Protein backbone atom coordinates (compact mmCIF):
# COMPACT_ATOMS: atom_id res chain seq x y z
CA MET A 1 113.87 109.33 102.49
CA MET A 2 111.41 111.76 103.94
CA ARG A 3 111.67 112.67 107.62
CA HIS A 4 108.06 113.67 108.22
CA ILE A 5 104.79 114.64 106.59
CA HIS A 6 104.03 118.30 107.01
CA ASN A 7 101.41 118.77 109.75
CA ASP A 8 100.67 115.03 109.89
CA GLU A 9 103.11 113.20 112.17
CA GLU A 10 100.57 110.45 112.88
CA ARG A 11 100.28 109.56 109.19
CA TYR A 12 104.07 109.53 108.85
CA LEU A 13 104.34 107.00 111.67
CA THR A 14 101.81 104.68 110.00
CA TYR A 15 104.21 104.27 107.05
CA TRP A 16 106.89 102.99 109.43
CA ASN A 17 104.62 100.82 111.53
CA ALA A 18 102.69 99.05 108.76
CA GLY A 19 104.42 95.71 109.29
CA LYS A 20 106.00 93.71 112.07
CA ARG A 21 109.45 95.10 111.34
CA PRO A 22 110.51 98.75 111.50
CA TYR A 23 110.68 99.25 107.74
CA TYR A 24 109.19 102.00 105.61
CA SER A 25 106.08 100.92 103.68
CA THR A 26 105.72 102.36 100.17
CA ASN A 27 102.28 100.72 99.71
CA ASP A 28 103.55 98.89 96.63
CA LEU A 29 102.61 95.24 96.21
CA ALA A 30 104.98 92.52 95.05
CA ILE A 31 105.23 88.75 95.10
CA LYS A 32 108.31 86.57 95.35
CA ASP A 33 108.22 83.26 93.49
CA GLU A 34 109.87 79.99 94.54
CA ASP A 35 113.04 80.92 92.59
CA GLY A 36 113.38 84.21 94.49
CA TYR A 37 112.29 86.46 91.63
CA ILE A 38 110.23 89.48 92.64
CA MET A 39 107.33 90.70 90.49
CA MET A 40 105.91 94.16 91.14
CA LEU A 41 102.11 94.15 91.09
CA GLY A 42 101.57 97.88 91.51
CA ARG A 43 100.22 100.15 94.20
CA SER A 44 98.08 98.65 96.93
CA ASP A 45 95.62 101.49 96.38
CA ASP A 46 95.29 100.43 92.73
CA LEU A 47 93.15 97.42 93.62
CA ILE A 48 89.66 96.76 92.33
CA ILE A 49 87.38 94.49 94.32
CA VAL A 50 85.25 92.39 91.96
CA SER A 51 82.89 89.87 93.58
CA GLY A 52 85.08 89.84 96.68
CA HIS A 53 88.34 89.30 94.76
CA ASN A 54 91.16 91.85 94.79
CA ILE A 55 92.35 92.55 91.26
CA GLY A 56 95.36 94.77 90.63
CA THR A 57 95.05 97.25 87.80
CA ALA A 58 98.71 96.67 86.90
CA GLU A 59 98.10 92.92 86.49
CA VAL A 60 95.18 93.41 84.12
CA GLU A 61 97.00 96.10 82.14
CA SER A 62 100.13 93.91 81.84
CA ALA A 63 98.03 90.98 80.64
CA LEU A 64 96.41 93.15 77.97
CA ILE A 65 99.69 94.72 76.85
CA SER A 66 101.15 91.25 76.36
CA HIS A 67 98.59 90.71 73.57
CA HIS A 68 100.09 91.42 70.13
CA ALA A 69 97.36 93.94 69.18
CA VAL A 70 97.56 96.17 72.27
CA ALA A 71 99.87 99.17 72.62
CA GLU A 72 98.61 100.54 75.96
CA ALA A 73 95.88 99.79 78.46
CA ALA A 74 94.33 101.21 81.63
CA ALA A 75 91.91 99.49 84.01
CA ILE A 76 89.35 100.98 86.39
CA GLY A 77 86.64 99.70 88.66
CA LYS A 78 83.11 100.72 87.79
CA PRO A 79 80.45 100.39 90.52
CA ASP A 80 78.07 97.46 90.07
CA PRO A 81 75.14 96.54 92.34
CA VAL A 82 75.85 92.78 92.09
CA LYS A 83 79.65 92.44 91.90
CA GLY A 84 80.61 95.58 93.83
CA ASN A 85 82.71 96.67 90.85
CA LEU A 86 82.96 95.79 87.19
CA LEU A 87 86.35 95.76 85.54
CA LYS A 88 86.48 98.23 82.66
CA VAL A 89 89.55 98.66 80.51
CA PHE A 90 90.57 101.35 78.07
CA VAL A 91 92.77 100.04 75.27
CA ILE A 92 94.96 101.69 72.66
CA LEU A 93 95.55 99.33 69.77
CA ILE A 94 98.72 99.05 67.75
CA GLU A 95 98.43 101.13 64.58
CA GLY A 96 96.69 99.27 61.78
CA THR A 97 94.65 97.01 64.07
CA THR A 98 90.89 97.03 63.50
CA VAL A 99 88.31 96.58 66.25
CA THR A 100 86.23 93.47 65.60
CA LYS A 101 84.07 91.16 67.72
CA LYS A 102 86.79 88.54 67.36
CA LEU A 103 89.43 90.94 68.70
CA ILE A 104 87.26 91.77 71.73
CA HIS A 105 86.75 88.04 72.36
CA ASP A 106 90.49 87.39 71.91
CA LEU A 107 91.44 90.12 74.39
CA LYS A 108 89.04 88.79 77.03
CA TYR A 109 90.23 85.24 76.42
CA HIS A 110 93.87 86.37 76.67
CA VAL A 111 93.23 87.96 80.09
CA ARG A 112 91.34 84.85 81.17
CA GLN A 113 94.26 82.61 80.19
CA THR A 114 96.81 84.95 81.79
CA LEU A 115 95.08 85.85 85.07
CA GLY A 116 91.97 83.71 85.39
CA PRO A 117 88.23 84.15 84.89
CA ILE A 118 87.68 86.68 87.70
CA ALA A 119 89.98 89.22 85.98
CA VAL A 120 88.20 89.20 82.61
CA PRO A 121 87.08 92.76 81.81
CA SER A 122 83.32 93.31 81.64
CA GLU A 123 83.81 96.29 79.33
CA ILE A 124 86.50 97.19 76.82
CA GLU A 125 86.62 100.68 75.35
CA PHE A 126 89.03 101.43 72.53
CA VAL A 127 90.57 104.90 72.74
CA ASP A 128 93.15 106.94 70.86
CA SER A 129 94.91 108.21 73.99
CA LEU A 130 94.95 107.91 77.77
CA PRO A 131 95.21 110.79 80.24
CA LYS A 132 98.79 110.88 81.55
CA THR A 133 100.96 113.08 83.71
CA ARG A 134 104.05 114.67 82.20
CA SER A 135 106.08 111.79 83.67
CA GLY A 136 103.90 109.27 81.79
CA LYS A 137 101.78 107.89 84.65
CA ILE A 138 98.25 107.01 83.55
CA MET A 139 95.66 109.02 85.47
CA ARG A 140 93.08 106.32 86.24
CA ARG A 141 91.10 108.68 88.47
CA VAL A 142 90.47 110.92 85.43
CA LEU A 143 89.21 107.92 83.44
CA LYS A 144 86.98 106.89 86.32
CA ALA A 145 85.63 110.43 86.77
CA GLN A 146 84.83 110.65 83.05
CA GLU A 147 83.14 107.25 83.20
CA MET A 148 81.07 108.21 86.24
CA GLY A 149 80.28 111.71 84.95
CA ILE A 150 81.85 113.46 87.92
CA ASP A 151 84.45 116.18 88.37
CA PRO A 152 87.97 114.73 87.87
CA GLY A 153 89.47 117.19 90.35
CA ASP A 154 92.84 118.80 89.77
CA ILE A 155 94.06 117.95 86.27
CA SER A 156 96.86 120.53 86.13
CA THR A 157 99.46 117.73 85.99
CA LEU A 158 98.03 116.22 82.78
CA ASP A 159 100.34 116.19 79.78
CA GLU A 160 97.86 117.83 77.36
């Protein structure tokens, strides 16, 4: 457990005072079902607001990965003048799977059935690899920067 944030005591205190109780907040989101099981939804900063609805990138990625043709997936928000953001996903298919219109439809339908209509991706891009850190974390900010045509910032931690 950290004892402070270097040169930022005020920020450190916000982690401890985020809720009503004096617990440390990791900014991870989770839900507890009626049976007491806890499901991790991902980081609270990994939310995309689409038409006023908060959609977690981890939820969308998990829904896609549960499809038999998908090996890996990453989701980003892409600015849209009407919805605020569009949901765009980058998908790595299992070897031997061919991209077809039916597959694209099936993937969107699968997300719709799993999460609901608001979480259906507006765009699906099939890729051979995703930018990851050496520890395996997908670098969504790099995907978003590439999509927006802006500088991705420090990419020294990429595993390439």
